[in-house]
Amino acid sequence: MPVVSLEIWQFIIIVVVTILIAAVVTFFVTRKIFQNQLKKNPPINETAIRAMMTQMGRTPSEKQVRAVMRSMEEANGIQSTDKKKKK
């Protein structure tokens, strides 16, 4: 049975490289999961806009709510779900 002998500096380099690779992979996997969650559950939706307008003392019409949603989507670079369905 062959015995593998490593110098201490070789062992340290292997451990450091392994930790760096794990950190990079974890970063990209976490980022992808986070982006998918934001697409599925946007932080602000029509219900939240209605609640904010109501708290400000306004009675929002559907047209106003959709206009605010459209402007927020344009600012974030996201297509609205209605436009996706039409294409």
C-alpha atoms as a PDB file:
ATOM      1  CA  MET A   1       0.000   0.000   0.000  1.00  0.00           C
ATOM      2  CA  PRO A   2       1.572   3.314  -1.083  1.00  0.00           C
ATOM      3  CA  VAL A   3       2.015   5.969   1.561  1.00  0.00           C
ATOM      4  CA  VAL A   4       1.458   9.569   0.488  1.00  0.00           C
ATOM      5  CA  SER A   5       3.690  12.037   2.227  1.00  0.00           C
ATOM      6  CA  LEU A   6       3.031  15.757   1.989  1.00  0.00           C
ATOM      7  CA  GLU A   7       5.087  18.602   3.224  1.00  0.00           C
ATOM      8  CA  ILE A   8       3.282  20.977   5.562  1.00  0.00           C
ATOM      9  CA  TRP A   9       3.360  23.777   2.974  1.00  0.00           C
ATOM     10  CA  GLN A  10       1.756  21.495   0.373  1.00  0.00           C
ATOM     11  CA  PHE A  11      -1.016  20.588   2.801  1.00  0.00           C
ATOM     12  CA  ILE A  12      -1.667  24.279   3.598  1.00  0.00           C
ATOM     13  CA  ILE A  13      -1.815  25.184  -0.102  1.00  0.00           C
ATOM     14  CA  ILE A  14      -4.273  22.350  -0.800  1.00  0.00           C
ATOM     15  CA  VAL A  15      -6.517  23.453   2.083  1.00  0.00           C
ATOM     16  CA  VAL A  16      -6.431  27.128   1.047  1.00  0.00           C
ATOM     17  CA  VAL A  17      -7.190  26.343  -2.608  1.00  0.00           C
ATOM     18  CA  THR A  18     -10.053  24.057  -1.585  1.00  0.00           C
ATOM     19  CA  ILE A  19     -11.542  26.768   0.647  1.00  0.00           C
ATOM     20  CA  LEU A  20     -11.268  29.361  -2.138  1.00  0.00           C
ATOM     21  CA  ILE A  21     -12.942  27.086  -4.678  1.00  0.00           C
ATOM     22  CA  ALA A  22     -15.744  26.282  -2.224  1.00  0.00           C
ATOM     23  CA  ALA A  23     -16.244  29.999  -1.514  1.00  0.00           C
ATOM     24  CA  VAL A  24     -16.500  30.881  -5.216  1.00  0.00           C
ATOM     25  CA  VAL A  25     -18.925  28.044  -5.968  1.00  0.00           C
ATOM     26  CA  THR A  26     -21.043  28.923  -2.920  1.00  0.00           C
ATOM     27  CA  PHE A  27     -21.169  32.583  -3.980  1.00  0.00           C
ATOM     28  CA  PHE A  28     -22.472  31.822  -7.467  1.00  0.00           C
ATOM     29  CA  VAL A  29     -24.970  29.179  -6.326  1.00  0.00           C
ATOM     30  CA  THR A  30     -26.340  31.483  -3.620  1.00  0.00           C
ATOM     31  CA  ARG A  31     -26.555  34.392  -6.066  1.00  0.00           C
ATOM     32  CA  LYS A  32     -28.504  32.286  -8.575  1.00  0.00           C
ATOM     33  CA  ILE A  33     -30.933  31.053  -5.905  1.00  0.00           C
ATOM     34  CA  PHE A  34     -31.421  34.608  -4.620  1.00  0.00           C
ATOM     35  CA  GLN A  35     -32.147  35.934  -8.113  1.00  0.00           C
ATOM     36  CA  ASN A  36     -34.690  33.162  -8.715  1.00  0.00           C
ATOM     37  CA  GLN A  37     -36.416  33.947  -5.417  1.00  0.00           C
ATOM     38  CA  LEU A  38     -36.634  37.648  -6.311  1.00  0.00           C
ATOM     39  CA  LYS A  39     -38.191  36.787  -9.682  1.00  0.00           C
ATOM     40  CA  LYS A  40     -40.766  34.506  -8.057  1.00  0.00           C
ATOM     41  CA  ASN A  41     -41.470  36.808  -5.092  1.00  0.00           C
ATOM     42  CA  PRO A  42     -40.823  40.435  -6.003  1.00  0.00           C
ATOM     43  CA  PRO A  43     -40.348  42.659  -2.959  1.00  0.00           C
ATOM     44  CA  ILE A  44     -43.101  45.067  -4.051  1.00  0.00           C
ATOM     45  CA  ASN A  45     -46.293  43.906  -5.690  1.00  0.00           C
ATOM     46  CA  GLU A  46     -49.657  45.496  -6.473  1.00  0.00           C
ATOM     47  CA  THR A  47     -51.024  44.735  -3.014  1.00  0.00           C
ATOM     48  CA  ALA A  48     -48.098  46.522  -1.368  1.00  0.00           C
ATOM     49  CA  ILE A  49     -48.579  49.551  -3.636  1.00  0.00           C
ATOM     50  CA  ARG A  50     -52.280  49.707  -2.786  1.00  0.00           C
ATOM     51  CA  ALA A  51     -51.473  49.508   0.922  1.00  0.00           C
ATOM     52  CA  MET A  52     -48.865  52.298   0.642  1.00  0.00           C
ATOM     53  CA  MET A  53     -51.237  54.567  -1.260  1.00  0.00           C
ATOM     54  CA  THR A  54     -54.003  53.885   1.249  1.00  0.00           C
ATOM     55  CA  GLN A  55     -51.676  54.737   4.141  1.00  0.00           C
ATOM     56  CA  MET A  56     -50.847  58.018   2.416  1.00  0.00           C
ATOM     57  CA  GLY A  57     -54.551  58.858   2.398  1.00  0.00           C
ATOM     58  CA  ARG A  58     -55.201  58.158  -1.270  1.00  0.00           C
ATOM     59  CA  THR A  59     -57.718  55.786  -2.757  1.00  0.00           C
ATOM     60  CA  PRO A  60     -55.776  54.194  -5.597  1.00  0.00           C
ATOM     61  CA  SER A  61     -57.452  53.302  -8.860  1.00  0.00           C
ATOM     62  CA  GLU A  62     -56.378  50.249 -10.805  1.00  0.00           C
ATOM     63  CA  LYS A  63     -54.848  52.514 -13.448  1.00  0.00           C
ATOM     64  CA  GLN A  64     -52.677  54.278 -10.833  1.00  0.00           C
ATOM     65  CA  VAL A  65     -51.523  50.985  -9.334  1.00  0.00           C
ATOM     66  CA  ARG A  66     -50.568  49.578 -12.730  1.00  0.00           C
ATOM     67  CA  ALA A  67     -48.761  52.812 -13.640  1.00  0.00           C
ATOM     68  CA  VAL A  68     -46.666  52.625 -10.461  1.00  0.00           C
ATOM     69  CA  MET A  69     -45.911  48.934 -11.070  1.00  0.00           C
ATOM     70  CA  ARG A  70     -44.906  49.668 -14.664  1.00  0.00           C
ATOM     71  CA  SER A  71     -42.604  52.501 -13.635  1.00  0.00           C
ATOM     72  CA  MET A  72     -40.970  50.342 -10.953  1.00  0.00           C
ATOM     73  CA  GLU A  73     -40.446  47.476 -13.402  1.00  0.00           C
ATOM     74  CA  GLU A  74     -38.904  49.828 -15.953  1.00  0.00           C
ATOM     75  CA  ALA A  75     -36.596  51.253 -13.296  1.00  0.00           C
ATOM     76  CA  ASN A  76     -35.486  47.730 -12.345  1.00  0.00           C
ATOM     77  CA  GLY A  77     -35.236  46.500 -15.935  1.00  0.00           C
ATOM     78  CA  ILE A  78     -37.878  43.792 -15.474  1.00  0.00           C
ATOM     79  CA  GLN A  79     -40.545  43.060 -18.056  1.00  0.00           C
ATOM     80  CA  SER A  80     -44.053  43.007 -16.689  1.00  0.00           C
ATOM     81  CA  THR A  81     -45.854  39.668 -16.609  1.00  0.00           C
ATOM     82  CA  ASP A  82     -48.515  41.011 -18.995  1.00  0.00           C
ATOM     83  CA  LYS A  83     -45.923  41.754 -21.661  1.00  0.00           C
ATOM     84  CA  LYS A  84     -44.378  38.293 -21.277  1.00  0.00           C
ATOM     85  CA  LYS A  85     -47.752  36.647 -21.843  1.00  0.00           C
ATOM     86  CA  LYS A  86     -48.462  38.685 -24.987  1.00  0.00           C
ATOM     87  CA  LYS A  87     -45.201  37.722 -26.722  1.00  0.00           C
END
